[in-house]
PDB file of N, CA and C in Angstrom:
ATOM      1  N   MET A   1     102.190  75.124  70.948  1.00  0.00           N
ATOM      2  CA  MET A   1     103.215  76.262  71.047  1.00  0.00           C
ATOM      3  C   MET A   1     102.550  77.307  70.094  1.00  0.00           C
ATOM      4  N   MET A   2     103.170  78.374  70.575  1.00  0.00           N
ATOM      5  CA  MET A   2     102.729  79.691  69.813  1.00  0.00           C
ATOM      6  C   MET A   2     103.362  80.020  68.558  1.00  0.00           C
ATOM      7  N   THR A   3     102.751  80.406  67.593  1.00  0.00           N
ATOM      8  CA  THR A   3     103.360  80.845  66.465  1.00  0.00           C
ATOM      9  C   THR A   3     104.043  82.195  66.521  1.00  0.00           C
ATOM     10  N   ASP A   4     105.065  82.401  65.705  1.00  0.00           N
ATOM     11  CA  ASP A   4     105.915  83.673  65.907  1.00  0.00           C
ATOM     12  C   ASP A   4     105.000  84.882  65.814  1.00  0.00           C
ATOM     13  N   LEU A   5     103.966  84.538  64.883  1.00  0.00           N
ATOM     14  CA  LEU A   5     102.925  86.014  64.691  1.00  0.00           C
ATOM     15  C   LEU A   5     102.240  86.043  66.066  1.00  0.00           C
ATOM     16  N   ALA A   6     101.589  84.944  66.537  1.00  0.00           N
ATOM     17  CA  ALA A   6     100.831  85.096  67.916  1.00  0.00           C
ATOM     18  C   ALA A   6     101.965  85.515  69.034  1.00  0.00           C
ATOM     19  N   MET A   7     103.332  85.267  68.930  1.00  0.00           N
ATOM     20  CA  MET A   7     104.256  85.821  70.074  1.00  0.00           C
ATOM     21  C   MET A   7     104.356  87.347  69.884  1.00  0.00           C
ATOM     22  N   ARG A   8     104.618  87.747  68.608  1.00  0.00           N
ATOM     23  CA  ARG A   8     104.815  89.207  68.411  1.00  0.00           C
ATOM     24  C   ARG A   8     103.565  90.008  68.770  1.00  0.00           C
ATOM     25  N   GLY A   9     102.388  89.624  68.528  1.00  0.00           N
ATOM     26  CA  GLY A   9     101.122  89.888  68.938  1.00  0.00           C
ATOM     27  C   GLY A   9     101.120  90.118  70.350  1.00  0.00           C
ATOM     28  N   ARG A  10     101.404  89.104  71.239  1.00  0.00           N
ATOM     29  CA  ARG A  10     101.402  89.420  72.687  1.00  0.00           C
ATOM     30  C   ARG A  10     102.459  90.330  73.161  1.00  0.00           C
ATOM     31  N   MET A  11     103.699  90.111  72.627  1.00  0.00           N
ATOM     32  CA  MET A  11     104.403  91.296  72.977  1.00  0.00           C
ATOM     33  C   MET A  11     104.253  92.638  72.709  1.00  0.00           C
ATOM     34  N   LEU A  12     103.419  92.907  71.523  1.00  0.00           N
ATOM     35  CA  LEU A  12     103.025  94.233  71.297  1.00  0.00           C
ATOM     36  C   LEU A  12     101.743  94.511  72.342  1.00  0.00           C
ATOM     37  N   LEU A  13     100.951  93.673  72.690  1.00  0.00           N
ATOM     38  CA  LEU A  13     100.003  93.980  73.829  1.00  0.00           C
ATOM     39  C   LEU A  13     100.549  94.167  74.941  1.00  0.00           C
ATOM     40  N   TRP A  14     101.595  93.484  75.342  1.00  0.00           N
ATOM     41  CA  TRP A  14     102.396  93.633  76.601  1.00  0.00           C
ATOM     42  C   TRP A  14     103.027  95.188  76.709  1.00  0.00           C
ATOM     43  N   THR A  15     103.535  95.501  75.656  1.00  0.00           N
ATOM     44  CA  THR A  15     104.356  96.765  75.487  1.00  0.00           C
ATOM     45  C   THR A  15     103.412  97.877  75.780  1.00  0.00           C
ATOM     46  N   VAL A  16     102.049  97.837  74.923  1.00  0.00           N
ATOM     47  CA  VAL A  16     101.271  98.782  75.110  1.00  0.00           C
ATOM     48  C   VAL A  16     100.612  98.937  76.599  1.00  0.00           C
ATOM     49  N   ALA A  17     100.274  97.721  77.139  1.00  0.00           N
ATOM     50  CA  ALA A  17      99.907  97.832  78.549  1.00  0.00           C
ATOM     51  C   ALA A  17     101.003  98.161  79.393  1.00  0.00           C
ATOM     52  N   LEU A  18     102.132  98.100  79.127  1.00  0.00           N
ATOM     53  CA  LEU A  18     103.338  98.510  80.081  1.00  0.00           C
ATOM     54  C   LEU A  18     103.415 100.170  79.916  1.00  0.00           C
ATOM     55  N   VAL A  19     103.159 100.606  78.716  1.00  0.00           N
ATOM     56  CA  VAL A  19     103.266 102.172  78.666  1.00  0.00           C
ATOM     57  C   VAL A  19     102.211 102.814  79.144  1.00  0.00           C
ATOM     58  N   THR A  20     100.874 102.041  79.151  1.00  0.00           N
ATOM     59  CA  THR A  20      99.661 102.600  79.598  1.00  0.00           C
ATOM     60  C   THR A  20      99.710 102.534  81.063  1.00  0.00           C
ATOM     61  N   ALA A  21     100.097 101.680  81.718  1.00  0.00           N
ATOM     62  CA  ALA A  21     100.246 101.503  83.370  1.00  0.00           C
ATOM     63  C   ALA A  21     101.374 102.328  83.792  1.00  0.00           C
ATOM     64  N   ALA A  22     102.343 102.549  83.094  1.00  0.00           N
ATOM     65  CA  ALA A  22     103.466 103.322  83.702  1.00  0.00           C
ATOM     66  C   ALA A  22     102.966 104.777  83.813  1.00  0.00           C
ATOM     67  N   GLY A  23     102.065 105.340  83.053  1.00  0.00           N
ATOM     68  CA  GLY A  23     101.531 106.700  83.452  1.00  0.00           C
ATOM     69  C   GLY A  23     100.900 106.594  84.621  1.00  0.00           C
ATOM     70  N   ALA A  24     100.037 105.676  84.872  1.00  0.00           N
ATOM     71  CA  ALA A  24      99.104 105.472  86.069  1.00  0.00           C
ATOM     72  C   ALA A  24      99.884 105.380  87.309  1.00  0.00           C
ATOM     73  N   ALA A  25     101.110 104.518  87.082  1.00  0.00           N
ATOM     74  CA  ALA A  25     101.950 104.330  88.278  1.00  0.00           C
ATOM     75  C   ALA A  25     102.717 105.460  88.763  1.00  0.00           C
ATOM     76  N   ARG A  26     103.176 106.243  87.710  1.00  0.00           N
ATOM     77  CA  ARG A  26     104.030 107.219  88.048  1.00  0.00           C
ATOM     78  C   ARG A  26     103.295 108.445  88.486  1.00  0.00           C
ATOM     79  N   ALA A  27     101.851 108.495  88.629  1.00  0.00           N
ATOM     80  CA  ALA A  27     101.113 109.511  88.981  1.00  0.00           C
ATOM     81  C   ALA A  27     101.352 109.871  90.397  1.00  0.00           C
ATOM     82  N   GLY A  28     101.956 108.920  91.120  1.00  0.00           N
ATOM     83  CA  GLY A  28     102.362 109.021  92.756  1.00  0.00           C
ATOM     84  C   GLY A  28     101.254 108.263  93.254  1.00  0.00           C
ATOM     85  N   GLY A  29     101.531 108.202  94.618  1.00  0.00           N
ATOM     86  CA  GLY A  29     100.631 107.322  95.599  1.00  0.00           C
ATOM     87  C   GLY A  29     100.794 107.827  96.988  1.00  0.00           C
ATOM     88  N   ASP A  30      99.789 107.274  97.838  1.00  0.00           N
ATOM     89  CA  ASP A  30      99.981 107.711  99.020  1.00  0.00           C
ATOM     90  C   ASP A  30     100.657 106.562  99.655  1.00  0.00           C
ATOM     91  N   ALA A  31     101.847 106.739 100.185  1.00  0.00           N
ATOM     92  CA  ALA A  31     102.609 105.410 100.882  1.00  0.00           C
ATOM     93  C   ALA A  31     101.979 104.907 102.110  1.00  0.00           C
ATOM     94  N   ALA A  32     101.472 105.800 102.847  1.00  0.00           N
ATOM     95  CA  ALA A  32     100.543 105.442 104.248  1.00  0.00           C
ATOM     96  C   ALA A  32      99.534 104.542 103.824  1.00  0.00           C
ATOM     97  N   ARG A  33      98.698 104.957 102.679  1.00  0.00           N
ATOM     98  CA  ARG A  33      97.680 103.952 102.415  1.00  0.00           C
ATOM     99  C   ARG A  33      98.126 102.579 101.751  1.00  0.00           C
ATOM    100  N   GLY A  34      99.244 102.866 100.836  1.00  0.00           N
ATOM    101  CA  GLY A  34      99.979 101.562 100.349  1.00  0.00           C
ATOM    102  C   GLY A  34     100.314 100.576 101.418  1.00  0.00           C
ATOM    103  N   GLU A  35     100.779 101.168 102.480  1.00  0.00           N
ATOM    104  CA  GLU A  35     101.336 100.258 103.696  1.00  0.00           C
ATOM    105  C   GLU A  35     100.012  99.335 104.350  1.00  0.00           C
ATOM    106  N   LYS A  36      98.913  99.878 104.327  1.00  0.00           N
ATOM    107  CA  LYS A  36      97.606  99.160 104.679  1.00  0.00           C
ATOM    108  C   LYS A  36      97.332  98.110 103.519  1.00  0.00           C
ATOM    109  N   LEU A  37      97.432  98.428 102.256  1.00  0.00           N
ATOM    110  CA  LEU A  37      97.130  97.628 101.096  1.00  0.00           C
ATOM    111  C   LEU A  37      98.370  96.394 101.145  1.00  0.00           C
ATOM    112  N   TYR A  38      99.536  96.657 101.499  1.00  0.00           N
ATOM    113  CA  TYR A  38     100.484  95.813 101.462  1.00  0.00           C
ATOM    114  C   TYR A  38     100.088  94.628 102.615  1.00  0.00           C
ATOM    115  N   GLU A  39      99.404  95.039 103.675  1.00  0.00           N
ATOM    116  CA  GLU A  39      98.831  93.870 104.363  1.00  0.00           C
ATOM    117  C   GLU A  39      98.493  92.669 103.934  1.00  0.00           C
ATOM    118  N   ASP A  40      97.818  92.849 102.744  1.00  0.00           N
ATOM    119  CA  ASP A  40      97.220  91.624 101.915  1.00  0.00           C
ATOM    120  C   ASP A  40      98.444  90.775 101.504  1.00  0.00           C
ATOM    121  N   CYS A  41      99.574  91.664 100.910  1.00  0.00           N
ATOM    122  CA  CYS A  41     100.702  90.886 100.215  1.00  0.00           C
ATOM    123  C   CYS A  41     101.682  90.367 101.212  1.00  0.00           C
ATOM    124  N   ALA A  42     101.608  90.872 102.445  1.00  0.00           N
ATOM    125  CA  ALA A  42     102.430  90.224 103.439  1.00  0.00           C
ATOM    126  C   ALA A  42     102.306  88.898 103.926  1.00  0.00           C
ATOM    127  N   ALA A  43     101.200  88.417 103.496  1.00  0.00           N
ATOM    128  CA  ALA A  43     100.751  86.969 103.748  1.00  0.00           C
ATOM    129  C   ALA A  43     101.809  85.950 103.106  1.00  0.00           C
ATOM    130  N   CYS A  44     102.425  86.480 101.812  1.00  0.00           N
ATOM    131  CA  CYS A  44     103.360  85.674 101.139  1.00  0.00           C
ATOM    132  C   CYS A  44     104.700  86.411 100.777  1.00  0.00           C
ATOM    133  N   HIS A  45     104.715  87.701 100.907  1.00  0.00           N
ATOM    134  CA  HIS A  45     105.976  88.606 100.540  1.00  0.00           C
ATOM    135  C   HIS A  45     106.569  89.391 101.566  1.00  0.00           C
ATOM    136  N   SER A  46     107.608  89.076 101.896  1.00  0.00           N
ATOM    137  CA  SER A  46     108.339  89.828 102.943  1.00  0.00           C
ATOM    138  C   SER A  46     108.991  91.089 102.065  1.00  0.00           C
ATOM    139  N   ILE A  47     109.402  92.280 102.893  1.00  0.00           N
ATOM    140  CA  ILE A  47     109.911  93.236 102.412  1.00  0.00           C
ATOM    141  C   ILE A  47     111.412  93.333 103.074  1.00  0.00           C
ATOM    142  N   GLU A  48     111.716  92.204 103.595  1.00  0.00           N
ATOM    143  CA  GLU A  48     113.108  92.130 104.489  1.00  0.00           C
ATOM    144  C   GLU A  48     114.097  91.569 103.111  1.00  0.00           C
ATOM    145  N   ARG A  49     115.222  91.850 103.284  1.00  0.00           N
ATOM    146  CA  ARG A  49     116.511  91.398 102.582  1.00  0.00           C
ATOM    147  C   ARG A  49     116.746  89.992 102.970  1.00  0.00           C
ATOM    148  N   GLY A  50     116.688  88.952 101.707  1.00  0.00           N
ATOM    149  CA  GLY A  50     116.833  87.404 101.923  1.00  0.00           C
ATOM    150  C   GLY A  50     115.642  86.734 102.718  1.00  0.00           C
ATOM    151  N   VAL A  51     114.526  87.333 103.218  1.00  0.00           N
ATOM    152  CA  VAL A  51     113.386  86.628 103.867  1.00  0.00           C
ATOM    153  C   VAL A  51     112.330  86.236 102.730  1.00  0.00           C
ATOM    154  N   ASN A  52     112.381  85.162 102.014  1.00  0.00           N
ATOM    155  CA  ASN A  52     111.438  84.613 101.229  1.00  0.00           C
ATOM    156  C   ASN A  52     110.142  83.915 102.014  1.00  0.00           C
ATOM    157  N   GLY A  53     108.983  84.103 101.482  1.00  0.00           N
ATOM    158  CA  GLY A  53     107.876  83.464 102.022  1.00  0.00           C
ATOM    159  C   GLY A  53     107.428  82.383 101.036  1.00  0.00           C
ATOM    160  N   VAL A  54     105.961  82.509 101.003  1.00  0.00           N
ATOM    161  CA  VAL A  54     105.437  81.751  99.703  1.00  0.00           C
ATOM    162  C   VAL A  54     105.829  82.387  98.598  1.00  0.00           C
ATOM    163  N   GLY A  55     105.952  83.595  98.709  1.00  0.00           N
ATOM    164  CA  GLY A  55     106.488  84.349  97.437  1.00  0.00           C
ATOM    165  C   GLY A  55     107.964  85.042  97.803  1.00  0.00           C
ATOM    166  N   PRO A  56     108.398  85.482  96.694  1.00  0.00           N
ATOM    167  CA  PRO A  56     109.944  85.898  97.139  1.00  0.00           C
ATOM    168  C   PRO A  56     109.909  87.182  97.773  1.00  0.00           C
ATOM    169  N   THR A  57     110.884  87.476  98.469  1.00  0.00           N
ATOM    170  CA  THR A  57     110.911  88.964  99.120  1.00  0.00           C
ATOM    171  C   THR A  57     110.840  90.073  98.192  1.00  0.00           C
ATOM    172  N   LEU A  58     110.241  91.175  98.422  1.00  0.00           N
ATOM    173  CA  LEU A  58     110.008  92.242  97.633  1.00  0.00           C
ATOM    174  C   LEU A  58     111.180  93.264  97.848  1.00  0.00           C
ATOM    175  N   TYR A  59     112.083  92.889  98.857  1.00  0.00           N
ATOM    176  CA  TYR A  59     113.239  93.865  99.252  1.00  0.00           C
ATOM    177  C   TYR A  59     114.064  93.993  97.845  1.00  0.00           C
ATOM    178  N   GLY A  60     114.321  95.164  97.397  1.00  0.00           N
ATOM    179  CA  GLY A  60     115.315  95.582  96.468  1.00  0.00           C
ATOM    180  C   GLY A  60     114.644  95.326  95.112  1.00  0.00           C
ATOM    181  N   ILE A  61     113.149  95.291  95.054  1.00  0.00           N
ATOM    182  CA  ILE A  61     112.525  94.649  93.743  1.00  0.00           C
ATOM    183  C   ILE A  61     112.877  95.865  92.597  1.00  0.00           C
ATOM    184  N   PHE A  62     112.770  97.026  92.844  1.00  0.00           N
ATOM    185  CA  PHE A  62     112.774  98.036  91.872  1.00  0.00           C
ATOM    186  C   PHE A  62     114.237  97.941  90.920  1.00  0.00           C
ATOM    187  N   GLY A  63     114.115  97.688  89.663  1.00  0.00           N
ATOM    188  CA  GLY A  63     115.160  97.355  88.851  1.00  0.00           C
ATOM    189  C   GLY A  63     115.794  96.211  88.758  1.00  0.00           C
ATOM    190  N   ARG A  64     115.066  95.231  89.385  1.00  0.00           N
ATOM    191  CA  ARG A  64     115.573  93.846  89.620  1.00  0.00           C
ATOM    192  C   ARG A  64     114.756  93.052  88.422  1.00  0.00           C
ATOM    193  N   LYS A  65     115.531  92.091  87.761  1.00  0.00           N
ATOM    194  CA  LYS A  65     114.852  91.340  86.748  1.00  0.00           C
ATOM    195  C   LYS A  65     114.019  90.145  87.483  1.00  0.00           C
ATOM    196  N   ALA A  66     112.868  90.045  86.743  1.00  0.00           N
ATOM    197  CA  ALA A  66     111.697  88.852  87.407  1.00  0.00           C
ATOM    198  C   ALA A  66     112.433  87.631  87.301  1.00  0.00           C
ATOM    199  N   GLY A  67     112.474  86.881  88.411  1.00  0.00           N
ATOM    200  CA  GLY A  67     113.101  85.645  88.492  1.00  0.00           C
ATOM    201  C   GLY A  67     114.340  85.431  88.781  1.00  0.00           C
ATOM    202  N   GLU A  68     114.881  86.469  89.294  1.00  0.00           N
ATOM    203  CA  GLU A  68     116.587  86.659  89.500  1.00  0.00           C
ATOM    204  C   GLU A  68     117.000  86.132  90.621  1.00  0.00           C
ATOM    205  N   LEU A  69     116.210  86.042  91.815  1.00  0.00           N
ATOM    206  CA  LEU A  69     116.772  85.790  93.075  1.00  0.00           C
ATOM    207  C   LEU A  69     117.125  84.240  93.113  1.00  0.00           C
ATOM    208  N   ASP A  70     118.492  83.908  93.471  1.00  0.00           N
ATOM    209  CA  ASP A  70     118.803  82.477  93.623  1.00  0.00           C
ATOM    210  C   ASP A  70     118.112  81.640  94.451  1.00  0.00           C
ATOM    211  N   ASP A  71     117.799  82.453  95.713  1.00  0.00           N
ATOM    212  CA  ASP A  71     117.188  81.623  96.550  1.00  0.00           C
ATOM    213  C   ASP A  71     115.804  81.470  96.899  1.00  0.00           C
ATOM    214  N   TYR A  72     115.288  81.611  95.561  1.00  0.00           N
ATOM    215  CA  TYR A  72     113.839  81.387  95.360  1.00  0.00           C
ATOM    216  C   TYR A  72     113.261  80.629  94.145  1.00  0.00           C
ATOM    217  N   ARG A  73     112.582  79.818  94.273  1.00  0.00           N
ATOM    218  CA  ARG A  73     112.069  78.993  93.188  1.00  0.00           C
ATOM    219  C   ARG A  73     110.808  79.589  92.274  1.00  0.00           C
ATOM    220  N   TYR A  74     111.322  80.276  91.226  1.00  0.00           N
ATOM    221  CA  TYR A  74     110.285  80.805  90.425  1.00  0.00           C
ATOM    222  C   TYR A  74     109.648  79.993  89.391  1.00  0.00           C
ATOM    223  N   SER A  75     108.389  80.378  88.961  1.00  0.00           N
ATOM    224  CA  SER A  75     107.890  79.610  87.733  1.00  0.00           C
ATOM    225  C   SER A  75     108.750  79.700  86.489  1.00  0.00           C
ATOM    226  N   PRO A  76     108.855  78.863  85.476  1.00  0.00           N
ATOM    227  CA  PRO A  76     109.485  79.090  84.402  1.00  0.00           C
ATOM    228  C   PRO A  76     108.927  80.289  83.605  1.00  0.00           C
ATOM    229  N   ALA A  77     107.502  80.390  83.478  1.00  0.00           N
ATOM    230  CA  ALA A  77     106.885  81.457  82.855  1.00  0.00           C
ATOM    231  C   ALA A  77     107.511  82.939  83.384  1.00  0.00           C
ATOM    232  N   LEU A  78     107.456  82.907  84.674  1.00  0.00           N
ATOM    233  CA  LEU A  78     108.087  84.342  85.220  1.00  0.00           C
ATOM    234  C   LEU A  78     109.555  84.663  84.994  1.00  0.00           C
ATOM    235  N   LYS A  79     110.400  83.470  85.040  1.00  0.00           N
ATOM    236  CA  LYS A  79     111.864  83.579  84.726  1.00  0.00           C
ATOM    237  C   LYS A  79     112.078  83.797  83.239  1.00  0.00           C
ATOM    238  N   ARG A  80     111.381  83.528  82.289  1.00  0.00           N
ATOM    239  CA  ARG A  80     111.612  83.828  80.930  1.00  0.00           C
ATOM    240  C   ARG A  80     110.766  85.045  80.514  1.00  0.00           C
ATOM    241  N   SER A  81     109.993  85.637  81.361  1.00  0.00           N
ATOM    242  CA  SER A  81     109.270  86.951  80.940  1.00  0.00           C
ATOM    243  C   SER A  81     110.066  88.104  80.536  1.00  0.00           C
ATOM    244  N   GLY A  82     111.227  88.318  80.994  1.00  0.00           N
ATOM    245  CA  GLY A  82     112.060  89.208  80.501  1.00  0.00           C
ATOM    246  C   GLY A  82     111.781  90.523  81.338  1.00  0.00           C
ATOM    247  N   ILE A  83     110.850  90.481  82.224  1.00  0.00           N
ATOM    248  CA  ILE A  83     110.362  91.694  83.036  1.00  0.00           C
ATOM    249  C   ILE A  83     111.660  92.205  83.977  1.00  0.00           C
ATOM    250  N   ILE A  84     111.718  93.542  83.782  1.00  0.00           N
ATOM    251  CA  ILE A  84     112.427  94.223  84.782  1.00  0.00           C
ATOM    252  C   ILE A  84     111.552  95.194  85.711  1.00  0.00           C
ATOM    253  N   TRP A  85     111.514  95.020  87.045  1.00  0.00           N
ATOM    254  CA  TRP A  85     110.448  95.477  87.775  1.00  0.00           C
ATOM    255  C   TRP A  85     110.769  97.012  87.903  1.00  0.00           C
ATOM    256  N   THR A  86     109.904  97.767  87.442  1.00  0.00           N
ATOM    257  CA  THR A  86     109.613  99.245  87.661  1.00  0.00           C
ATOM    258  C   THR A  86     108.174  99.452  88.177  1.00  0.00           C
ATOM    259  N   GLU A  87     108.048 100.798  88.341  1.00  0.00           N
ATOM    260  CA  GLU A  87     106.718 101.279  88.748  1.00  0.00           C
ATOM    261  C   GLU A  87     105.514 100.752  87.681  1.00  0.00           C
ATOM    262  N   GLY A  88     105.931 100.916  86.276  1.00  0.00           N
ATOM    263  CA  GLY A  88     105.130 100.472  85.258  1.00  0.00           C
ATOM    264  C   GLY A  88     104.760  98.938  85.267  1.00  0.00           C
ATOM    265  N   THR A  89     105.790  98.203  85.319  1.00  0.00           N
ATOM    266  CA  THR A  89     105.768  96.803  85.333  1.00  0.00           C
ATOM    267  C   THR A  89     105.102  96.115  86.444  1.00  0.00           C
ATOM    268  N   LEU A  90     105.426  96.722  87.587  1.00  0.00           N
ATOM    269  CA  LEU A  90     104.586  96.155  88.735  1.00  0.00           C
ATOM    270  C   LEU A  90     103.162  96.533  88.818  1.00  0.00           C
ATOM    271  N   ASP A  91     102.833  97.719  88.215  1.00  0.00           N
ATOM    272  CA  ASP A  91     101.625  98.167  88.193  1.00  0.00           C
ATOM    273  C   ASP A  91     100.780  97.273  87.204  1.00  0.00           C
ATOM    274  N   THR A  92     101.215  96.900  86.280  1.00  0.00           N
ATOM    275  CA  THR A  92     100.610  95.921  85.205  1.00  0.00           C
ATOM    276  C   THR A  92     100.411  94.471  85.884  1.00  0.00           C
ATOM    277  N   PHE A  93     101.467  94.132  86.402  1.00  0.00           N
ATOM    278  CA  PHE A  93     101.387  92.852  87.095  1.00  0.00           C
ATOM    279  C   PHE A  93     100.418  92.531  88.258  1.00  0.00           C
ATOM    280  N   ILE A  94     100.491  93.550  89.147  1.00  0.00           N
ATOM    281  CA  ILE A  94      99.827  93.699  90.281  1.00  0.00           C
ATOM    282  C   ILE A  94      98.238  93.564  89.725  1.00  0.00           C
ATOM    283  N   ALA A  95      97.833  94.447  88.743  1.00  0.00           N
ATOM    284  CA  ALA A  95      96.460  94.576  88.171  1.00  0.00           C
ATOM    285  C   ALA A  95      95.870  93.187  87.753  1.00  0.00           C
ATOM    286  N   ASP A  96      96.838  92.274  87.125  1.00  0.00           N
ATOM    287  CA  ASP A  96      96.403  91.040  86.697  1.00  0.00           C
ATOM    288  C   ASP A  96      97.655  90.238  86.250  1.00  0.00           C
ATOM    289  N   SER A  97      98.105  89.523  87.235  1.00  0.00           N
ATOM    290  CA  SER A  97      99.430  88.792  87.115  1.00  0.00           C
ATOM    291  C   SER A  97      99.113  87.632  86.378  1.00  0.00           C
ATOM    292  N   GLN A  98      98.158  86.967  86.070  1.00  0.00           N
ATOM    293  CA  GLN A  98      97.927  85.855  85.239  1.00  0.00           C
ATOM    294  C   GLN A  98      97.822  86.353  83.791  1.00  0.00           C
ATOM    295  N   ALA A  99      97.229  87.296  83.482  1.00  0.00           N
ATOM    296  CA  ALA A  99      97.150  88.105  82.056  1.00  0.00           C
ATOM    297  C   ALA A  99      98.526  88.521  81.550  1.00  0.00           C
ATOM    298  N   THR A 100      99.332  89.020  82.509  1.00  0.00           N
ATOM    299  CA  THR A 100     100.635  89.656  82.339  1.00  0.00           C
ATOM    300  C   THR A 100     101.686  88.342  82.010  1.00  0.00           C
ATOM    301  N   VAL A 101     101.718  87.699  83.059  1.00  0.00           N
ATOM    302  CA  VAL A 101     102.650  86.439  82.612  1.00  0.00           C
ATOM    303  C   VAL A 101     101.962  85.129  82.790  1.00  0.00           C
ATOM    304  N   PRO A 102     101.264  84.840  81.798  1.00  0.00           N
ATOM    305  CA  PRO A 102     100.465  83.427  82.083  1.00  0.00           C
ATOM    306  C   PRO A 102     101.338  82.407  82.528  1.00  0.00           C
ATOM    307  N   ALA A 103     100.695  81.469  83.264  1.00  0.00           N
ATOM    308  CA  ALA A 103     101.229  80.270  83.888  1.00  0.00           C
ATOM    309  C   ALA A 103     102.165  80.740  85.131  1.00  0.00           C
ATOM    310  N   ASN A 104     102.375  81.889  85.753  1.00  0.00           N
ATOM    311  CA  ASN A 104     103.063  82.080  86.795  1.00  0.00           C
ATOM    312  C   ASN A 104     102.287  81.553  88.002  1.00  0.00           C
ATOM    313  N   ARG A 105     103.215  81.221  89.019  1.00  0.00           N
ATOM    314  CA  ARG A 105     102.854  80.588  90.167  1.00  0.00           C
ATOM    315  C   ARG A 105     102.062  81.529  91.365  1.00  0.00           C
ATOM    316  N   MET A 106     101.927  82.742  90.962  1.00  0.00           N
ATOM    317  CA  MET A 106     101.319  83.709  91.793  1.00  0.00           C
ATOM    318  C   MET A 106      99.646  83.580  91.721  1.00  0.00           C
ATOM    319  N   PRO A 107      98.986  83.011  92.836  1.00  0.00           N
ATOM    320  CA  PRO A 107      97.754  82.746  92.854  1.00  0.00           C
ATOM    321  C   PRO A 107      96.912  84.036  93.459  1.00  0.00           C
ATOM    322  N   TYR A 108      96.925  85.077  92.456  1.00  0.00           N
ATOM    323  CA  TYR A 108      96.465  86.375  93.095  1.00  0.00           C
ATOM    324  C   TYR A 108      95.399  86.971  91.987  1.00  0.00           C
ATOM    325  N   ALA A 109      94.146  87.336  92.521  1.00  0.00           N
ATOM    326  CA  ALA A 109      93.113  87.789  91.492  1.00  0.00           C
ATOM    327  C   ALA A 109      93.454  89.161  91.044  1.00  0.00           C
ATOM    328  N   GLY A 110      94.314  90.003  91.516  1.00  0.00           N
ATOM    329  CA  GLY A 110      94.573  91.120  90.924  1.00  0.00           C
ATOM    330  C   GLY A 110      94.146  92.333  91.840  1.00  0.00           C
ATOM    331  N   MET A 111      94.348  93.718  91.574  1.00  0.00           N
ATOM    332  CA  MET A 111      93.993  94.779  92.195  1.00  0.00           C
ATOM    333  C   MET A 111      93.577  95.652  90.968  1.00  0.00           C
ATOM    334  N   PRO A 112      92.219  95.677  90.671  1.00  0.00           N
ATOM    335  CA  PRO A 112      91.683  96.400  89.576  1.00  0.00           C
ATOM    336  C   PRO A 112      91.952  97.848  89.774  1.00  0.00           C
ATOM    337  N   ASN A 113      92.211  98.385  91.011  1.00  0.00           N
ATOM    338  CA  ASN A 113      91.915 100.002  91.193  1.00  0.00           C
ATOM    339  C   ASN A 113      93.276 100.559  90.964  1.00  0.00           C
ATOM    340  N   ALA A 114      93.502 101.463  89.988  1.00  0.00           N
ATOM    341  CA  ALA A 114      94.872 102.010  89.588  1.00  0.00           C
ATOM    342  C   ALA A 114      95.262 102.677  90.826  1.00  0.00           C
ATOM    343  N   ALA A 115      94.330 103.575  91.495  1.00  0.00           N
ATOM    344  CA  ALA A 115      94.774 104.333  92.744  1.00  0.00           C
ATOM    345  C   ALA A 115      95.318 103.545  93.747  1.00  0.00           C
ATOM    346  N   ASP A 116      94.854 102.338  94.111  1.00  0.00           N
ATOM    347  CA  ASP A 116      95.287 101.340  95.057  1.00  0.00           C
ATOM    348  C   ASP A 116      96.525 100.768  94.716  1.00  0.00           C
ATOM    349  N   ARG A 117      96.890 100.504  93.408  1.00  0.00           N
ATOM    350  CA  ARG A 117      98.269 100.123  92.948  1.00  0.00           C
ATOM    351  C   ARG A 117      99.159 101.090  93.046  1.00  0.00           C
ATOM    352  N   GLY A 118      98.755 102.370  92.876  1.00  0.00           N
ATOM    353  CA  GLY A 118      99.668 103.376  93.104  1.00  0.00           C
ATOM    354  C   GLY A 118     100.362 103.583  94.267  1.00  0.00           C
ATOM    355  N   ASP A 119      99.159 103.718  95.259  1.00  0.00           N
ATOM    356  CA  ASP A 119      99.533 103.611  96.697  1.00  0.00           C
ATOM    357  C   ASP A 119     100.467 102.366  97.085  1.00  0.00           C
ATOM    358  N   LEU A 120     100.164 101.180  96.631  1.00  0.00           N
ATOM    359  CA  LEU A 120     100.917 100.104  97.060  1.00  0.00           C
ATOM    360  C   LEU A 120     102.346 100.100  96.574  1.00  0.00           C
ATOM    361  N   ILE A 121     102.637 100.603  95.324  1.00  0.00           N
ATOM    362  CA  ILE A 121     103.771 100.788  94.802  1.00  0.00           C
ATOM    363  C   ILE A 121     104.526 101.984  95.427  1.00  0.00           C
ATOM    364  N   ALA A 122     103.871 103.056  95.699  1.00  0.00           N
ATOM    365  CA  ALA A 122     104.476 104.113  96.482  1.00  0.00           C
ATOM    366  C   ALA A 122     105.251 103.570  97.888  1.00  0.00           C
ATOM    367  N   TYR A 123     104.380 102.634  98.534  1.00  0.00           N
ATOM    368  CA  TYR A 123     104.958 102.130  99.791  1.00  0.00           C
ATOM    369  C   TYR A 123     106.038 101.024  99.519  1.00  0.00           C
ATOM    370  N   LEU A 124     105.896 100.494  98.445  1.00  0.00           N
ATOM    371  CA  LEU A 124     106.824  99.591  98.175  1.00  0.00           C
ATOM    372  C   LEU A 124     108.283 100.164  97.834  1.00  0.00           C
ATOM    373  N   GLN A 125     108.265 101.354  97.132  1.00  0.00           N
ATOM    374  CA  GLN A 125     109.196 102.177  96.716  1.00  0.00           C
ATOM    375  C   GLN A 125     109.946 102.788  98.006  1.00  0.00           C
ATOM    376  N   LYS A 126     109.309 103.050  99.121  1.00  0.00           N
ATOM    377  CA  LYS A 126     109.700 103.538 100.225  1.00  0.00           C
ATOM    378  C   LYS A 126     110.262 102.379 101.350  1.00  0.00           C
ATOM    379  N   ALA A 127     109.589 101.147 101.418  1.00  0.00           N
ATOM    380  CA  ALA A 127     109.874 100.232 102.165  1.00  0.00           C
ATOM    381  C   ALA A 127     110.880  99.072 101.611  1.00  0.00           C
ATOM    382  N   SER A 128     111.097  99.041 100.507  1.00  0.00           N
ATOM    383  CA  SER A 128     111.828  97.848 100.079  1.00  0.00           C
ATOM    384  C   SER A 128     113.107  98.113  99.822  1.00  0.00           C
ATOM    385  N   LYS A 129     113.647  99.119 100.239  1.00  0.00           N
ATOM    386  CA  LYS A 129     115.278  99.699  99.972  1.00  0.00           C
ATOM    387  C   LYS A 129     116.079  99.141 100.995  1.00  0.00           C
TER     388      LYS A 129
END
């Protein structure tokens, strides 16, 4: 079990990462390029309302609390993460989901390129409504 001090340290790091990532994600992106990048995500995630795959649908993701869909079985780690999906939180999560939420069930190596993440997020903003 984590000590209170360790938990506070992790929360501080998470906050710094979100603030840093939010700037990168808000710089805008190329939704057309993001659509091509989404092809890798589509193996697990749909952007259609109510259509879950291996991963939950990304329809309506912006502003939604992580682990909130009733018709999908999320990891306990993601459910208790407290994340609200924004451009910044998605940017951080897509960069390295396991570092962002240790023990989550998403087996994804991450997308290290900030421009790629920005493009993907621009596409998701357009397509997931």
